[in-house]
Amino acid sequence: MSRLRNHFAQLLAEDRGDVPGWVMITLMSAVLVAGLLALAAPAFEGLFNQAIDQVSR
């Protein structure tokens, strides 16, 4: 039992994860979404105004 416990403890100690990679992916995704939103904002505004105009008639 002690041997299994030591093996399990060693596996846990070695598994630190890849936190910086996930942080970078999250940041890059957020920047990409913000950039696309900045480029598409006028088109979205036009679509919204057109839909409101059609409903208001």
N, C-alpha and C. Protein backbone atom coordinates (compact mmCIF):
# COMPACT_ATOMS: atom_id res chain seq x y z
N MET A 1 0.82 -1.19 0.00
CA MET A 1 0.00 0.00 0.00
C MET A 1 0.87 1.26 0.00
N SER A 2 1.96 1.22 0.74
CA SER A 2 2.85 2.37 0.83
C SER A 2 3.47 2.67 -0.54
N ARG A 3 3.77 1.62 -1.29
CA ARG A 3 4.37 1.81 -2.62
C ARG A 3 3.38 2.51 -3.55
N LEU A 4 2.12 2.11 -3.50
CA LEU A 4 1.09 2.74 -4.32
C LEU A 4 0.89 4.21 -3.92
N ARG A 5 0.89 4.47 -2.64
CA ARG A 5 0.72 5.84 -2.15
C ARG A 5 1.89 6.71 -2.61
N ASN A 6 3.10 6.19 -2.56
CA ASN A 6 4.27 6.95 -3.01
C ASN A 6 4.21 7.22 -4.51
N HIS A 7 3.76 6.22 -5.27
CA HIS A 7 3.64 6.40 -6.71
C HIS A 7 2.60 7.47 -7.02
N PHE A 8 1.46 7.44 -6.33
CA PHE A 8 0.41 8.41 -6.54
C PHE A 8 0.88 9.82 -6.16
N ALA A 9 1.60 9.94 -5.06
CA ALA A 9 2.13 11.23 -4.63
C ALA A 9 3.12 11.77 -5.64
N GLN A 10 3.92 10.90 -6.22
CA GLN A 10 4.89 11.33 -7.23
C GLN A 10 4.17 11.82 -8.49
N LEU A 11 3.12 11.13 -8.90
CA LEU A 11 2.35 11.56 -10.07
C LEU A 11 1.72 12.92 -9.84
N LEU A 12 1.18 13.15 -8.65
CA LEU A 12 0.58 14.44 -8.35
C LEU A 12 1.62 15.55 -8.32
N ALA A 13 2.80 15.26 -7.83
CA ALA A 13 3.85 16.26 -7.75
C ALA A 13 4.34 16.66 -9.14
N GLU A 14 4.33 15.72 -10.08
CA GLU A 14 4.82 16.00 -11.43
C GLU A 14 3.78 16.72 -12.28
N ASP A 15 2.51 16.60 -11.94
CA ASP A 15 1.44 17.17 -12.75
C ASP A 15 1.13 18.59 -12.28
N ARG A 16 1.84 19.54 -12.85
CA ARG A 16 1.63 20.94 -12.46
C ARG A 16 0.68 21.65 -13.41
N GLY A 17 0.39 21.10 -14.56
CA GLY A 17 -0.52 21.73 -15.51
C GLY A 17 0.19 22.76 -16.37
N ASP A 18 -0.57 23.34 -17.28
CA ASP A 18 -0.02 24.31 -18.21
C ASP A 18 -0.79 25.62 -18.08
N VAL A 19 -0.75 26.21 -16.92
CA VAL A 19 -1.51 27.43 -16.67
C VAL A 19 -1.10 28.56 -17.60
N PRO A 20 0.18 28.84 -17.81
CA PRO A 20 0.52 29.96 -18.70
C PRO A 20 -0.01 29.79 -20.13
N GLY A 21 -0.03 28.57 -20.62
CA GLY A 21 -0.58 28.33 -21.95
C GLY A 21 -2.06 28.67 -22.02
N TRP A 22 -2.81 28.26 -21.02
CA TRP A 22 -4.25 28.56 -21.00
C TRP A 22 -4.50 30.05 -20.81
N VAL A 23 -3.66 30.70 -20.04
CA VAL A 23 -3.81 32.15 -19.87
C VAL A 23 -3.58 32.84 -21.21
N MET A 24 -2.56 32.42 -21.94
CA MET A 24 -2.25 33.03 -23.23
C MET A 24 -3.38 32.79 -24.23
N ILE A 25 -3.93 31.59 -24.26
CA ILE A 25 -5.04 31.30 -25.17
C ILE A 25 -6.24 32.16 -24.83
N THR A 26 -6.54 32.31 -23.54
CA THR A 26 -7.68 33.13 -23.13
C THR A 26 -7.47 34.59 -23.52
N LEU A 27 -6.28 35.11 -23.28
CA LEU A 27 -6.00 36.50 -23.65
C LEU A 27 -6.09 36.71 -25.16
N MET A 28 -5.53 35.79 -25.92
CA MET A 28 -5.57 35.92 -27.38
C MET A 28 -7.00 35.86 -27.89
N SER A 29 -7.81 34.99 -27.31
CA SER A 29 -9.21 34.89 -27.71
C SER A 29 -9.96 36.18 -27.39
N ALA A 30 -9.71 36.74 -26.22
CA ALA A 30 -10.38 37.99 -25.83
C ALA A 30 -9.99 39.13 -26.76
N VAL A 31 -8.71 39.21 -27.12
CA VAL A 31 -8.25 40.26 -28.03
C VAL A 31 -8.87 40.07 -29.42
N LEU A 32 -8.95 38.85 -29.88
CA LEU A 32 -9.56 38.57 -31.18
C LEU A 32 -11.03 38.96 -31.21
N VAL A 33 -11.77 38.61 -30.17
CA VAL A 33 -13.19 38.96 -30.10
C VAL A 33 -13.36 40.47 -30.04
N ALA A 34 -12.54 41.16 -29.26
CA ALA A 34 -12.63 42.62 -29.16
C ALA A 34 -12.32 43.27 -30.51
N GLY A 35 -11.33 42.75 -31.21
CA GLY A 35 -10.99 43.29 -32.53
C GLY A 35 -12.10 43.09 -33.54
N LEU A 36 -12.67 41.90 -33.56
CA LEU A 36 -13.78 41.63 -34.49
C LEU A 36 -14.99 42.48 -34.15
N LEU A 37 -15.26 42.65 -32.87
CA LEU A 37 -16.38 43.48 -32.47
C LEU A 37 -16.16 44.93 -32.87
N ALA A 38 -14.95 45.42 -32.74
CA ALA A 38 -14.65 46.79 -33.13
C ALA A 38 -14.86 46.98 -34.64
N LEU A 39 -14.49 45.99 -35.42
CA LEU A 39 -14.66 46.09 -36.87
C LEU A 39 -16.12 45.94 -37.30
N ALA A 40 -16.87 45.10 -36.60
CA ALA A 40 -18.24 44.80 -37.00
C ALA A 40 -19.28 45.67 -36.31
N ALA A 41 -18.88 46.53 -35.38
CA ALA A 41 -19.84 47.33 -34.62
C ALA A 41 -20.74 48.19 -35.52
N PRO A 42 -20.21 48.87 -36.52
CA PRO A 42 -21.11 49.66 -37.39
C PRO A 42 -22.15 48.80 -38.12
N ALA A 43 -21.74 47.62 -38.56
CA ALA A 43 -22.69 46.74 -39.24
C ALA A 43 -23.77 46.26 -38.28
N PHE A 44 -23.37 45.90 -37.07
CA PHE A 44 -24.36 45.47 -36.07
C PHE A 44 -25.31 46.61 -35.72
N GLU A 45 -24.79 47.82 -35.62
CA GLU A 45 -25.64 48.97 -35.32
C GLU A 45 -26.64 49.21 -36.43
N GLY A 46 -26.18 49.08 -37.67
CA GLY A 46 -27.09 49.24 -38.81
C GLY A 46 -28.18 48.18 -38.83
N LEU A 47 -27.81 46.95 -38.56
CA LEU A 47 -28.82 45.88 -38.51
C LEU A 47 -29.82 46.12 -37.39
N PHE A 48 -29.34 46.54 -36.24
CA PHE A 48 -30.22 46.80 -35.11
C PHE A 48 -31.19 47.94 -35.43
N ASN A 49 -30.68 49.03 -35.98
CA ASN A 49 -31.54 50.17 -36.33
C ASN A 49 -32.57 49.80 -37.38
N GLN A 50 -32.17 49.00 -38.34
CA GLN A 50 -33.10 48.56 -39.39
C GLN A 50 -34.20 47.69 -38.79
N ALA A 51 -33.85 46.79 -37.89
CA ALA A 51 -34.85 45.94 -37.25
C ALA A 51 -35.81 46.76 -36.40
N ILE A 52 -35.30 47.74 -35.67
CA ILE A 52 -36.17 48.60 -34.84
C ILE A 52 -37.10 49.42 -35.72
N ASP A 53 -36.58 49.91 -36.84
CA ASP A 53 -37.43 50.69 -37.76
C ASP A 53 -38.57 49.84 -38.32
N GLN A 54 -38.28 48.59 -38.65
CA GLN A 54 -39.31 47.72 -39.19
C GLN A 54 -40.36 47.37 -38.15
N VAL A 55 -39.95 47.21 -36.91
CA VAL A 55 -40.91 46.90 -35.85
C VAL A 55 -41.73 48.12 -35.50
N SER A 56 -41.15 49.31 -35.57
CA SER A 56 -41.84 50.54 -35.19
C SER A 56 -42.91 50.95 -36.16
N ARG A 57 -42.85 50.49 -37.38
CA ARG A 57 -43.84 50.89 -38.41
C ARG A 57 -45.18 50.34 -38.12
